[in-house]
C-alpha atoms as a PDB file:
ATOM      1  CA  MET A   1     164.274 124.357 179.294  1.00  0.00           C
ATOM      2  CA  GLY A   2     160.518 124.640 179.008  1.00  0.00           C
ATOM      3  CA  ASP A   3     158.057 125.436 181.758  1.00  0.00           C
ATOM      4  CA  ILE A   4     158.378 123.365 184.933  1.00  0.00           C
ATOM      5  CA  SER A   5     155.075 122.240 186.396  1.00  0.00           C
ATOM      6  CA  ARG A   6     153.142 119.213 187.611  1.00  0.00           C
ATOM      7  CA  PHE A   7     150.471 116.931 186.240  1.00  0.00           C
ATOM      8  CA  ASN A   8     148.426 113.957 187.362  1.00  0.00           C
ATOM      9  CA  GLY A   9     150.016 110.546 186.845  1.00  0.00           C
ATOM     10  CA  ASN A  10     149.132 106.956 187.640  1.00  0.00           C
ATOM     11  CA  GLY A  11     149.645 105.638 191.134  1.00  0.00           C
ATOM     12  CA  SER A  12     148.110 105.619 194.561  1.00  0.00           C
ATOM     13  CA  SER A  13     147.386 108.609 196.754  1.00  0.00           C
ATOM     14  CA  ALA A  14     146.322 109.252 200.305  1.00  0.00           C
ATOM     15  CA  ALA A  15     143.177 110.831 198.922  1.00  0.00           C
ATOM     16  CA  GLY A  16     142.169 107.402 197.622  1.00  0.00           C
ATOM     17  CA  ASP A  17     141.458 108.571 194.072  1.00  0.00           C
ATOM     18  CA  GLY A  18     144.034 106.205 192.591  1.00  0.00           C
ATOM     19  CA  ARG A  19     146.122 109.060 191.243  1.00  0.00           C
ATOM     20  CA  ARG A  20     149.103 111.098 192.438  1.00  0.00           C
ATOM     21  CA  LYS A  21     150.706 114.279 191.252  1.00  0.00           C
ATOM     22  CA  SER A  22     154.116 113.975 189.668  1.00  0.00           C
ATOM     23  CA  CYS A  23     156.584 116.084 187.712  1.00  0.00           C
ATOM     24  CA  TRP A  24     157.621 114.680 184.345  1.00  0.00           C
ATOM     25  CA  TYR A  25     160.306 115.371 181.758  1.00  0.00           C
ATOM     26  CA  GLU A  26     159.401 114.989 178.101  1.00  0.00           C
ATOM     27  CA  GLU A  27     161.668 114.918 175.070  1.00  0.00           C
ATOM     28  CA  GLU A  28     160.367 115.057 171.525  1.00  0.00           C
ATOM     29  CA  ILE A  29     162.372 112.461 169.630  1.00  0.00           C
ATOM     30  CA  GLU A  30     160.438 112.742 166.386  1.00  0.00           C
ATOM     31  CA  GLN A  31     157.436 114.761 165.289  1.00  0.00           C
ATOM     32  CA  ASP A  32     155.051 111.991 166.346  1.00  0.00           C
ATOM     33  CA  LEU A  33     157.153 110.372 169.087  1.00  0.00           C
ATOM     34  CA  ARG A  34     157.837 111.656 172.584  1.00  0.00           C
ATOM     35  CA  TRP A  35     159.770 110.062 175.454  1.00  0.00           C
ATOM     36  CA  CYS A  36     158.913 111.025 179.007  1.00  0.00           C
ATOM     37  CA  TYR A  37     159.693 109.894 182.514  1.00  0.00           C
ATOM     38  CA  ALA A  38     158.838 110.844 186.062  1.00  0.00           C
ATOM     39  CA  LEU A  39     161.012 113.137 188.136  1.00  0.00           C
ATOM     40  CA  ASN A  40     161.693 113.283 191.831  1.00  0.00           C
ATOM     41  CA  GLY A  41     162.624 116.884 191.222  1.00  0.00           C
ATOM     42  CA  ILE A  42     164.637 119.428 189.276  1.00  0.00           C
ATOM     43  CA  LEU A  43     167.920 119.870 191.105  1.00  0.00           C
ATOM     44  CA  HIS A  44     169.541 122.733 189.236  1.00  0.00           C
ATOM     45  CA  THR A  45     169.009 124.824 186.134  1.00  0.00           C
ATOM     46  CA  GLY A  46     171.230 127.348 184.427  1.00  0.00           C
ATOM     47  CA  GLU A  47     171.846 129.165 181.197  1.00  0.00           C
ATOM     48  CA  SER A  48     175.161 129.839 179.498  1.00  0.00           C
ATOM     49  CA  GLN A  49     176.147 131.917 176.515  1.00  0.00           C
ATOM     50  CA  TYR A  50     175.635 128.848 174.351  1.00  0.00           C
ATOM     51  CA  GLN A  51     173.181 126.448 175.986  1.00  0.00           C
ATOM     52  CA  ASP A  52     170.469 125.823 178.558  1.00  0.00           C
ATOM     53  CA  ILE A  53     171.540 123.426 181.324  1.00  0.00           C
ATOM     54  CA  ALA A  54     169.526 121.353 183.787  1.00  0.00           C
ATOM     55  CA  LEU A  55     170.198 118.583 186.259  1.00  0.00           C
ATOM     56  CA  LEU A  56     167.135 116.434 186.828  1.00  0.00           C
ATOM     57  CA  ASP A  57     166.539 113.810 189.496  1.00  0.00           C
ATOM     58  CA  THR A  58     164.646 111.183 187.511  1.00  0.00           C
ATOM     59  CA  LYS A  59     162.850 108.231 189.004  1.00  0.00           C
ATOM     60  CA  PRO A  60     163.987 105.573 186.492  1.00  0.00           C
ATOM     61  CA  PHE A  61     167.507 106.819 185.665  1.00  0.00           C
ATOM     62  CA  GLY A  62     168.798 108.817 188.649  1.00  0.00           C
ATOM     63  CA  LYS A  63     170.434 112.187 188.054  1.00  0.00           C
ATOM     64  CA  ALA A  64     170.283 113.238 184.403  1.00  0.00           C
ATOM     65  CA  LEU A  65     172.150 116.047 182.673  1.00  0.00           C
ATOM     66  CA  VAL A  66     170.057 117.868 180.065  1.00  0.00           C
ATOM     67  CA  ILE A  67     171.531 120.440 177.675  1.00  0.00           C
ATOM     68  CA  ASP A  68     169.379 122.410 175.252  1.00  0.00           C
ATOM     69  CA  GLY A  69     166.477 120.153 176.101  1.00  0.00           C
ATOM     70  CA  LYS A  70     168.340 117.004 175.024  1.00  0.00           C
ATOM     71  CA  LEU A  71     169.307 114.393 177.600  1.00  0.00           C
ATOM     72  CA  GLN A  72     173.105 114.023 177.573  1.00  0.00           C
ATOM     73  CA  SER A  73     173.676 111.353 180.194  1.00  0.00           C
ATOM     74  CA  ALA A  74     171.934 109.695 183.104  1.00  0.00           C
ATOM     75  CA  GLU A  75     173.452 108.383 186.313  1.00  0.00           C
ATOM     76  CA  ILE A  76     172.222 104.806 185.939  1.00  0.00           C
ATOM     77  CA  ASP A  77     173.483 104.069 182.406  1.00  0.00           C
ATOM     78  CA  GLU A  78     176.041 106.716 181.402  1.00  0.00           C
ATOM     79  CA  PHE A  79     178.765 104.077 181.843  1.00  0.00           C
ATOM     80  CA  ILE A  80     177.493 102.301 178.709  1.00  0.00           C
ATOM     81  CA  TYR A  81     177.921 105.400 176.563  1.00  0.00           C
ATOM     82  CA  HIS A  82     181.282 106.469 177.981  1.00  0.00           C
ATOM     83  CA  GLU A  83     182.911 103.023 178.031  1.00  0.00           C
ATOM     84  CA  CYS A  84     181.871 102.538 174.393  1.00  0.00           C
ATOM     85  CA  LEU A  85     183.130 105.971 173.406  1.00  0.00           C
ATOM     86  CA  VAL A  86     186.537 105.735 175.095  1.00  0.00           C
ATOM     87  CA  HIS A  87     187.867 102.213 175.466  1.00  0.00           C
ATOM     88  CA  PRO A  88     187.720 100.700 171.960  1.00  0.00           C
ATOM     89  CA  ALA A  89     189.871 103.484 170.514  1.00  0.00           C
ATOM     90  CA  LEU A  90     192.400 103.536 173.353  1.00  0.00           C
ATOM     91  CA  LEU A  91     192.669  99.739 173.381  1.00  0.00           C
ATOM     92  CA  HIS A  92     193.232  99.542 169.626  1.00  0.00           C
ATOM     93  CA  GLN A  93     195.999 102.144 169.847  1.00  0.00           C
ATOM     94  CA  MET A  94     199.352 100.504 170.612  1.00  0.00           C
ATOM     95  CA  ASN A  95     200.493 102.855 173.376  1.00  0.00           C
ATOM     96  CA  PRO A  96     198.103 105.768 173.951  1.00  0.00           C
ATOM     97  CA  ARG A  97     199.837 108.474 175.941  1.00  0.00           C
ATOM     98  CA  ASN A  98     198.118 111.712 174.978  1.00  0.00           C
ATOM     99  CA  VAL A  99     194.423 112.135 174.211  1.00  0.00           C
ATOM    100  CA  PHE A 100     192.369 115.138 173.051  1.00  0.00           C
ATOM    101  CA  ILE A 101     188.665 115.394 173.922  1.00  0.00           C
ATOM    102  CA  MET A 102     186.417 117.614 171.853  1.00  0.00           C
ATOM    103  CA  GLY A 103     183.646 118.613 174.252  1.00  0.00           C
ATOM    104  CA  GLY A 104     183.213 116.226 177.167  1.00  0.00           C
ATOM    105  CA  GLY A 105     182.352 118.997 179.622  1.00  0.00           C
ATOM    106  CA  GLU A 106     180.638 116.706 182.118  1.00  0.00           C
ATOM    107  CA  GLY A 107     183.942 114.934 182.801  1.00  0.00           C
ATOM    108  CA  SER A 108     182.831 111.323 182.270  1.00  0.00           C
ATOM    109  CA  THR A 109     184.932 110.845 179.131  1.00  0.00           C
ATOM    110  CA  ALA A 110     188.015 112.162 180.919  1.00  0.00           C
ATOM    111  CA  ARG A 111     187.244 109.834 183.839  1.00  0.00           C
ATOM    112  CA  GLU A 112     187.276 106.771 181.583  1.00  0.00           C
ATOM    113  CA  ILE A 113     190.443 107.856 179.732  1.00  0.00           C
ATOM    114  CA  LEU A 114     192.282 108.435 182.997  1.00  0.00           C
ATOM    115  CA  ARG A 115     191.675 104.817 183.976  1.00  0.00           C
ATOM    116  CA  HIS A 116     194.224 103.836 181.300  1.00  0.00           C
ATOM    117  CA  LYS A 117     197.664 103.283 182.809  1.00  0.00           C
ATOM    118  CA  THR A 118     199.550 104.392 179.689  1.00  0.00           C
ATOM    119  CA  VAL A 119     197.885 107.824 179.506  1.00  0.00           C
ATOM    120  CA  ASP A 120     199.916 110.703 180.885  1.00  0.00           C
ATOM    121  CA  ARG A 121     198.146 113.679 179.265  1.00  0.00           C
ATOM    122  CA  VAL A 122     194.486 114.444 178.503  1.00  0.00           C
ATOM    123  CA  VAL A 123     193.389 117.724 176.943  1.00  0.00           C
ATOM    124  CA  MET A 124     189.672 118.360 177.379  1.00  0.00           C
ATOM    125  CA  CYS A 125     188.514 121.230 175.180  1.00  0.00           C
ATOM    126  CA  ASP A 126     184.962 122.446 175.752  1.00  0.00           C
ATOM    127  CA  ILE A 127     183.521 125.689 174.475  1.00  0.00           C
ATOM    128  CA  ASP A 128     181.175 126.235 177.406  1.00  0.00           C
ATOM    129  CA  GLU A 129     182.807 127.107 180.730  1.00  0.00           C
ATOM    130  CA  GLU A 130     179.438 127.323 182.478  1.00  0.00           C
ATOM    131  CA  VAL A 131     178.628 123.716 181.566  1.00  0.00           C
ATOM    132  CA  VAL A 132     182.035 122.542 182.819  1.00  0.00           C
ATOM    133  CA  ASP A 133     181.680 124.472 186.090  1.00  0.00           C
ATOM    134  CA  PHE A 134     178.123 123.184 186.495  1.00  0.00           C
ATOM    135  CA  CYS A 135     179.274 119.577 186.074  1.00  0.00           C
ATOM    136  CA  LYS A 136     182.263 120.059 188.377  1.00  0.00           C
ATOM    137  CA  SER A 137     179.879 121.231 191.091  1.00  0.00           C
ATOM    138  CA  TYR A 138     177.073 118.723 190.729  1.00  0.00           C
ATOM    139  CA  LEU A 139     178.368 115.490 189.165  1.00  0.00           C
ATOM    140  CA  VAL A 140     180.090 113.894 192.135  1.00  0.00           C
ATOM    141  CA  ALA A 141     181.247 110.805 190.198  1.00  0.00           C
ATOM    142  CA  ASN A 142     183.636 112.903 188.104  1.00  0.00           C
ATOM    143  CA  ARG A 143     185.232 115.111 190.748  1.00  0.00           C
ATOM    144  CA  GLU A 144     188.312 112.917 190.991  1.00  0.00           C
ATOM    145  CA  ALA A 145     188.857 113.163 187.232  1.00  0.00           C
ATOM    146  CA  PHE A 146     188.637 116.955 187.299  1.00  0.00           C
ATOM    147  CA  CYS A 147     191.327 116.989 190.018  1.00  0.00           C
ATOM    148  CA  ASP A 148     193.696 114.621 188.175  1.00  0.00           C
ATOM    149  CA  LEU A 149     196.953 116.392 187.310  1.00  0.00           C
ATOM    150  CA  ARG A 150     197.068 114.623 183.923  1.00  0.00           C
ATOM    151  CA  LEU A 151     193.945 116.512 182.828  1.00  0.00           C
ATOM    152  CA  GLN A 152     194.360 119.883 181.130  1.00  0.00           C
ATOM    153  CA  LEU A 153     191.086 121.763 180.770  1.00  0.00           C
ATOM    154  CA  VAL A 154     190.856 124.229 177.886  1.00  0.00           C
ATOM    155  CA  ILE A 155     187.854 126.497 177.383  1.00  0.00           C
ATOM    156  CA  ASN A 156     187.718 127.077 173.656  1.00  0.00           C
ATOM    157  CA  ASP A 157     186.044 125.969 170.454  1.00  0.00           C
ATOM    158  CA  ALA A 158     187.630 122.602 169.623  1.00  0.00           C
ATOM    159  CA  ARG A 159     188.005 123.576 165.981  1.00  0.00           C
ATOM    160  CA  ALA A 160     189.952 126.722 166.882  1.00  0.00           C
ATOM    161  CA  GLU A 161     192.064 124.874 169.460  1.00  0.00           C
ATOM    162  CA  LEU A 162     193.063 122.045 167.111  1.00  0.00           C
ATOM    163  CA  LYS A 163     193.835 124.573 164.393  1.00  0.00           C
ATOM    164  CA  LYS A 164     196.071 126.548 166.749  1.00  0.00           C
ATOM    165  CA  ILE A 165     198.118 123.842 168.465  1.00  0.00           C
ATOM    166  CA  GLU A 166     200.998 121.864 166.957  1.00  0.00           C
ATOM    167  CA  GLU A 167     200.808 118.790 169.191  1.00  0.00           C
ATOM    168  CA  ARG A 168     199.769 115.497 167.631  1.00  0.00           C
ATOM    169  CA  PHE A 169     197.691 113.000 169.594  1.00  0.00           C
ATOM    170  CA  ASP A 170     197.410 109.229 169.844  1.00  0.00           C
ATOM    171  CA  VAL A 171     193.632 109.466 170.123  1.00  0.00           C
ATOM    172  CA  ILE A 172     191.128 112.265 169.514  1.00  0.00           C
ATOM    173  CA  ILE A 173     187.633 111.759 170.910  1.00  0.00           C
ATOM    174  CA  GLY A 174     184.518 113.592 169.774  1.00  0.00           C
ATOM    175  CA  ASP A 175     182.237 113.788 172.811  1.00  0.00           C
ATOM    176  CA  LEU A 176     180.206 116.583 171.304  1.00  0.00           C
ATOM    177  CA  ALA A 177     176.551 117.421 171.667  1.00  0.00           C
ATOM    178  CA  ASP A 178     174.347 116.092 168.905  1.00  0.00           C
ATOM    179  CA  PRO A 179     174.323 118.228 165.763  1.00  0.00           C
ATOM    180  CA  ILE A 180     171.325 120.492 166.397  1.00  0.00           C
ATOM    181  CA  GLU A 181     170.356 123.263 163.997  1.00  0.00           C
ATOM    182  CA  ASP A 182     171.787 126.562 165.308  1.00  0.00           C
ATOM    183  CA  GLY A 183     173.704 124.545 167.943  1.00  0.00           C
ATOM    184  CA  PRO A 184     177.342 125.262 168.818  1.00  0.00           C
ATOM    185  CA  CYS A 185     179.044 122.235 167.266  1.00  0.00           C
ATOM    186  CA  TYR A 186     177.497 120.816 164.083  1.00  0.00           C
ATOM    187  CA  GLN A 187     180.466 122.084 162.029  1.00  0.00           C
ATOM    188  CA  LEU A 188     182.681 119.655 163.964  1.00  0.00           C
ATOM    189  CA  TYR A 189     181.009 116.782 162.091  1.00  0.00           C
ATOM    190  CA  THR A 190     181.943 118.029 158.623  1.00  0.00           C
ATOM    191  CA  LYS A 191     184.331 116.542 156.065  1.00  0.00           C
ATOM    192  CA  SER A 192     186.355 119.759 155.824  1.00  0.00           C
ATOM    193  CA  PHE A 193     186.927 119.774 159.577  1.00  0.00           C
ATOM    194  CA  TYR A 194     187.917 116.110 159.728  1.00  0.00           C
ATOM    195  CA  GLU A 195     190.196 116.402 156.712  1.00  0.00           C
ATOM    196  CA  SER A 196     191.991 119.714 157.166  1.00  0.00           C
ATOM    197  CA  ILE A 197     191.981 120.295 160.932  1.00  0.00           C
ATOM    198  CA  LEU A 198     191.419 117.088 162.918  1.00  0.00           C
ATOM    199  CA  LYS A 199     193.372 114.498 160.933  1.00  0.00           C
ATOM    200  CA  PRO A 200     196.636 116.532 160.859  1.00  0.00           C
ATOM    201  CA  ARG A 201     196.531 116.567 164.674  1.00  0.00           C
ATOM    202  CA  LEU A 202     196.614 112.754 164.852  1.00  0.00           C
ATOM    203  CA  LYS A 203     199.854 110.782 164.950  1.00  0.00           C
ATOM    204  CA  GLU A 204     200.544 108.459 162.029  1.00  0.00           C
ATOM    205  CA  ASP A 205     198.857 105.524 163.808  1.00  0.00           C
ATOM    206  CA  GLY A 206     196.361 107.747 165.628  1.00  0.00           C
ATOM    207  CA  ILE A 207     192.684 106.961 166.057  1.00  0.00           C
ATOM    208  CA  PHE A 208     189.663 109.236 165.975  1.00  0.00           C
ATOM    209  CA  VAL A 209     186.367 108.230 167.549  1.00  0.00           C
ATOM    210  CA  THR A 210     183.139 110.168 167.796  1.00  0.00           C
ATOM    211  CA  GLN A 211     179.671 109.740 169.128  1.00  0.00           C
ATOM    212  CA  ALA A 212     177.445 109.726 166.058  1.00  0.00           C
ATOM    213  CA  GLY A 213     173.866 109.963 167.231  1.00  0.00           C
ATOM    214  CA  PRO A 214     170.991 107.469 167.188  1.00  0.00           C
ATOM    215  CA  ALA A 215     171.775 104.217 165.392  1.00  0.00           C
ATOM    216  CA  GLY A 216     168.522 102.291 165.592  1.00  0.00           C
ATOM    217  CA  VAL A 217     166.854 100.524 162.677  1.00  0.00           C
ATOM    218  CA  PHE A 218     164.741 103.618 161.933  1.00  0.00           C
ATOM    219  CA  SER A 219     166.806 106.404 163.516  1.00  0.00           C
ATOM    220  CA  HIS A 220     170.252 105.716 162.045  1.00  0.00           C
ATOM    221  CA  THR A 221     169.529 107.709 158.876  1.00  0.00           C
ATOM    222  CA  GLU A 222     169.148 110.880 160.946  1.00  0.00           C
ATOM    223  CA  VAL A 223     172.915 111.529 161.181  1.00  0.00           C
ATOM    224  CA  PHE A 224     174.711 108.231 161.921  1.00  0.00           C
ATOM    225  CA  SER A 225     174.922 106.965 158.337  1.00  0.00           C
ATOM    226  CA  CYS A 226     175.988 110.371 157.015  1.00  0.00           C
ATOM    227  CA  ILE A 227     178.751 110.788 159.624  1.00  0.00           C
ATOM    228  CA  TYR A 228     179.930 107.258 158.815  1.00  0.00           C
ATOM    229  CA  ASN A 229     180.131 108.010 155.099  1.00  0.00           C
ATOM    230  CA  THR A 230     181.877 111.312 155.784  1.00  0.00           C
ATOM    231  CA  LEU A 231     184.609 109.615 157.822  1.00  0.00           C
ATOM    232  CA  ARG A 232     184.898 106.919 155.154  1.00  0.00           C
ATOM    233  CA  ASN A 233     185.864 109.716 152.764  1.00  0.00           C
ATOM    234  CA  VAL A 234     188.653 110.897 155.082  1.00  0.00           C
ATOM    235  CA  PHE A 235     190.151 107.758 156.702  1.00  0.00           C
ATOM    236  CA  ARG A 236     191.176 104.383 155.239  1.00  0.00           C
ATOM    237  CA  TYR A 237     189.599 102.268 157.990  1.00  0.00           C
ATOM    238  CA  VAL A 238     186.255 103.093 159.610  1.00  0.00           C
ATOM    239  CA  VAL A 239     184.368 100.979 162.168  1.00  0.00           C
ATOM    240  CA  PRO A 240     180.778 101.847 163.146  1.00  0.00           C
ATOM    241  CA  TYR A 241     179.365 100.273 166.292  1.00  0.00           C
ATOM    242  CA  SER A 242     176.346 100.704 168.550  1.00  0.00           C
ATOM    243  CA  ALA A 243     174.716  99.845 171.869  1.00  0.00           C
ATOM    244  CA  HIS A 244     171.328 100.287 173.470  1.00  0.00           C
ATOM    245  CA  ILE A 245     171.197 103.163 175.977  1.00  0.00           C
ATOM    246  CA  PRO A 246     168.003 102.815 178.083  1.00  0.00           C
ATOM    247  CA  SER A 247     167.774 106.503 179.032  1.00  0.00           C
ATOM    248  CA  TYR A 248     168.090 107.531 175.362  1.00  0.00           C
ATOM    249  CA  ALA A 249     165.184 105.241 174.409  1.00  0.00           C
ATOM    250  CA  ASP A 250     167.213 104.091 171.413  1.00  0.00           C
ATOM    251  CA  THR A 251     170.321 102.367 170.145  1.00  0.00           C
ATOM    252  CA  TRP A 252     173.262 104.793 170.054  1.00  0.00           C
ATOM    253  CA  GLY A 253     176.137 104.888 167.609  1.00  0.00           C
ATOM    254  CA  TRP A 254     179.867 105.590 167.632  1.00  0.00           C
ATOM    255  CA  ILE A 255     182.342 105.587 164.769  1.00  0.00           C
ATOM    256  CA  MET A 256     186.062 104.845 165.036  1.00  0.00           C
ATOM    257  CA  ALA A 257     188.437 105.830 162.234  1.00  0.00           C
ATOM    258  CA  SER A 258     192.138 105.560 161.430  1.00  0.00           C
ATOM    259  CA  ASP A 259     194.605 105.074 158.608  1.00  0.00           C
ATOM    260  CA  THR A 260     195.896 102.020 160.503  1.00  0.00           C
ATOM    261  CA  PRO A 261     193.742  98.859 160.357  1.00  0.00           C
ATOM    262  CA  PHE A 262     191.821  97.612 163.387  1.00  0.00           C
ATOM    263  CA  THR A 263     192.982  94.029 163.840  1.00  0.00           C
ATOM    264  CA  LEU A 264     192.367  93.049 167.485  1.00  0.00           C
ATOM    265  CA  ASP A 265     190.018  90.175 168.212  1.00  0.00           C
ATOM    266  CA  SER A 266     187.951  89.861 171.389  1.00  0.00           C
ATOM    267  CA  GLU A 267     190.589  87.868 173.281  1.00  0.00           C
ATOM    268  CA  GLU A 268     193.293  90.443 172.521  1.00  0.00           C
ATOM    269  CA  LEU A 269     190.972  93.239 173.617  1.00  0.00           C
ATOM    270  CA  ASP A 270     190.291  91.428 176.890  1.00  0.00           C
ATOM    271  CA  SER A 271     194.023  90.979 177.425  1.00  0.00           C
ATOM    272  CA  ARG A 272     194.639  94.707 176.949  1.00  0.00           C
ATOM    273  CA  ILE A 273     191.731  95.552 179.248  1.00  0.00           C
ATOM    274  CA  ARG A 274     193.336  93.485 182.025  1.00  0.00           C
ATOM    275  CA  GLN A 275     196.797  94.959 181.443  1.00  0.00           C
ATOM    276  CA  ARG A 276     195.950  98.593 180.832  1.00  0.00           C
ATOM    277  CA  ILE A 277     192.766  99.666 182.617  1.00  0.00           C
ATOM    278  CA  ASN A 278     192.476 100.351 186.341  1.00  0.00           C
ATOM    279  CA  GLY A 279     189.293  98.892 187.773  1.00  0.00           C
ATOM    280  CA  GLU A 280     186.698  96.777 186.035  1.00  0.00           C
ATOM    281  CA  ASN A 281     184.499  97.853 183.145  1.00  0.00           C
ATOM    282  CA  ARG A 282     180.815  97.523 183.879  1.00  0.00           C
ATOM    283  CA  TYR A 283     179.773  97.101 180.242  1.00  0.00           C
ATOM    284  CA  LEU A 284     182.523  96.720 177.692  1.00  0.00           C
ATOM    285  CA  ASP A 285     184.734  93.680 177.110  1.00  0.00           C
ATOM    286  CA  GLY A 286     186.093  92.011 173.993  1.00  0.00           C
ATOM    287  CA  LYS A 287     182.950  90.043 173.153  1.00  0.00           C
ATOM    288  CA  THR A 288     180.737  93.047 173.802  1.00  0.00           C
ATOM    289  CA  PHE A 289     182.707  95.189 171.366  1.00  0.00           C
ATOM    290  CA  ALA A 290     182.707  92.417 168.796  1.00  0.00           C
ATOM    291  CA  SER A 291     178.923  92.158 169.024  1.00  0.00           C
ATOM    292  CA  SER A 292     178.410  95.930 169.029  1.00  0.00           C
ATOM    293  CA  SER A 293     180.290  96.274 165.740  1.00  0.00           C
ATOM    294  CA  LEU A 294     178.041  93.671 164.091  1.00  0.00           C
ATOM    295  CA  LEU A 295     175.241  95.983 163.015  1.00  0.00           C
ATOM    296  CA  SER A 296     171.833  94.733 161.948  1.00  0.00           C
ATOM    297  CA  LYS A 297     171.164  93.840 158.326  1.00  0.00           C
ATOM    298  CA  ALA A 298     168.995  96.915 157.810  1.00  0.00           C
ATOM    299  CA  VAL A 299     171.626  99.310 159.169  1.00  0.00           C
ATOM    300  CA  ARG A 300     174.486  97.609 157.284  1.00  0.00           C
ATOM    301  CA  LYS A 301     172.636  97.887 153.990  1.00  0.00           C
ATOM    302  CA  SER A 302     171.819 101.516 154.647  1.00  0.00           C
ATOM    303  CA  LEU A 303     175.405 102.438 155.533  1.00  0.00           C
ATOM    304  CA  ALA A 304     176.691 100.673 152.418  1.00  0.00           C
ATOM    305  CA  LYS A 305     174.325 102.734 150.248  1.00  0.00           C
ATOM    306  CA  GLU A 306     174.882 106.087 151.996  1.00  0.00           C
ATOM    307  CA  THR A 307     176.244 108.737 149.630  1.00  0.00           C
ATOM    308  CA  GLN A 308     175.750 111.981 151.530  1.00  0.00           C
ATOM    309  CA  VAL A 309     178.824 113.662 152.956  1.00  0.00           C
ATOM    310  CA  TYR A 310     178.365 115.975 155.944  1.00  0.00           C
ATOM    311  CA  THR A 311     179.305 119.524 154.978  1.00  0.00           C
ATOM    312  CA  GLU A 312     178.381 122.995 156.201  1.00  0.00           C
ATOM    313  CA  ASP A 313     175.931 123.291 153.298  1.00  0.00           C
ATOM    314  CA  THR A 314     174.443 119.783 153.527  1.00  0.00           C
ATOM    315  CA  ALA A 315     174.356 119.401 157.315  1.00  0.00           C
ATOM    316  CA  LYS A 316     171.840 117.022 158.872  1.00  0.00           C
ATOM    317  CA  PHE A 317     170.444 117.614 162.341  1.00  0.00           C
ATOM    318  CA  ILE A 318     168.965 115.701 165.253  1.00  0.00           C
ATOM    319  CA  TYR A 319     165.266 116.362 165.684  1.00  0.00           C
ATOM    320  CA  GLY A 320     163.547 117.803 168.712  1.00  0.00           C
ATOM    321  CA  HIS A 321     163.915 119.626 171.982  1.00  0.00           C
ATOM    322  CA  GLY A 322     162.942 118.423 175.437  1.00  0.00           C
ATOM    323  CA  THR A 323     160.728 120.171 177.987  1.00  0.00           C
ATOM    324  CA  CYS A 324     159.451 119.888 181.543  1.00  0.00           C
ATOM    325  CA  HIS A 325     155.778 120.824 181.382  1.00  0.00           C
ATOM    326  CA  LYS A 326     152.181 120.061 182.303  1.00  0.00           C
ATOM    327  CA  GLN A 327     149.917 117.471 180.744  1.00  0.00           C
ATOM    328  CA  LEU A 328     146.346 117.049 181.923  1.00  0.00           C
END
């Protein structure tokens, strides 16, 4: 994290000068674009072998988890991201019983998977034990998931773990940090990884789904279109979809892939939601997924034309790094 300090913001004050002091978090999304919001305070900070960690109490979005200066999830809207990441893949799979999570250290992905009645085993593999312990301690909403006996927590590099084990999974979920240059996980977005390590760990009708970065009209060319094209070179059927995440200040993208076609319509998805999932989704239902997989004309055209394949030598990265600092 950057320096933590205070600066003058708009608002009223007892001094009657029409201004009040406030702490702000700022994230540089592009070279000429920054996204900032007011904080009630900085609850916790830490540093692991791999990443910087912070838990912020934000005024618009509640508690927010920030890793390496990039906002990962916020209390108010994380359900949008995690329902979109988890449920489409599990609902399209006929009878998902075992699921592997790459990353997912905050526990929200495991929480959503464990709502599925058919699931009896979830392996969550995260490289950073400090992040997992941090989230166990401070993210109250996920404590029940961390205590669920169906959850097996593995501290390891997901690539090494998938290469080592012999088990095959109904669903593998990539809940990894964005590919950042010199970050710990960009190699887990490459064609060689998908082809030689991940795909052999899926069952014949298995499904892989990954978060794939910003997917807005202007931001989707950062990594989303390249990850889509990479998966299209590995799997027979690939479905990109997206949703607006307010705390990310952008539309976000996910990509689902399998060698088995995705054939469910919105009514069938709703039927499976009622039969399989404990509790009610706050965001995702059949119509919502149907609409989220209808990308805009600009994004569709761009994905159709994309030729780059994500490799170790041609890797693309998310821009920027967030800070808490002073502006005058």
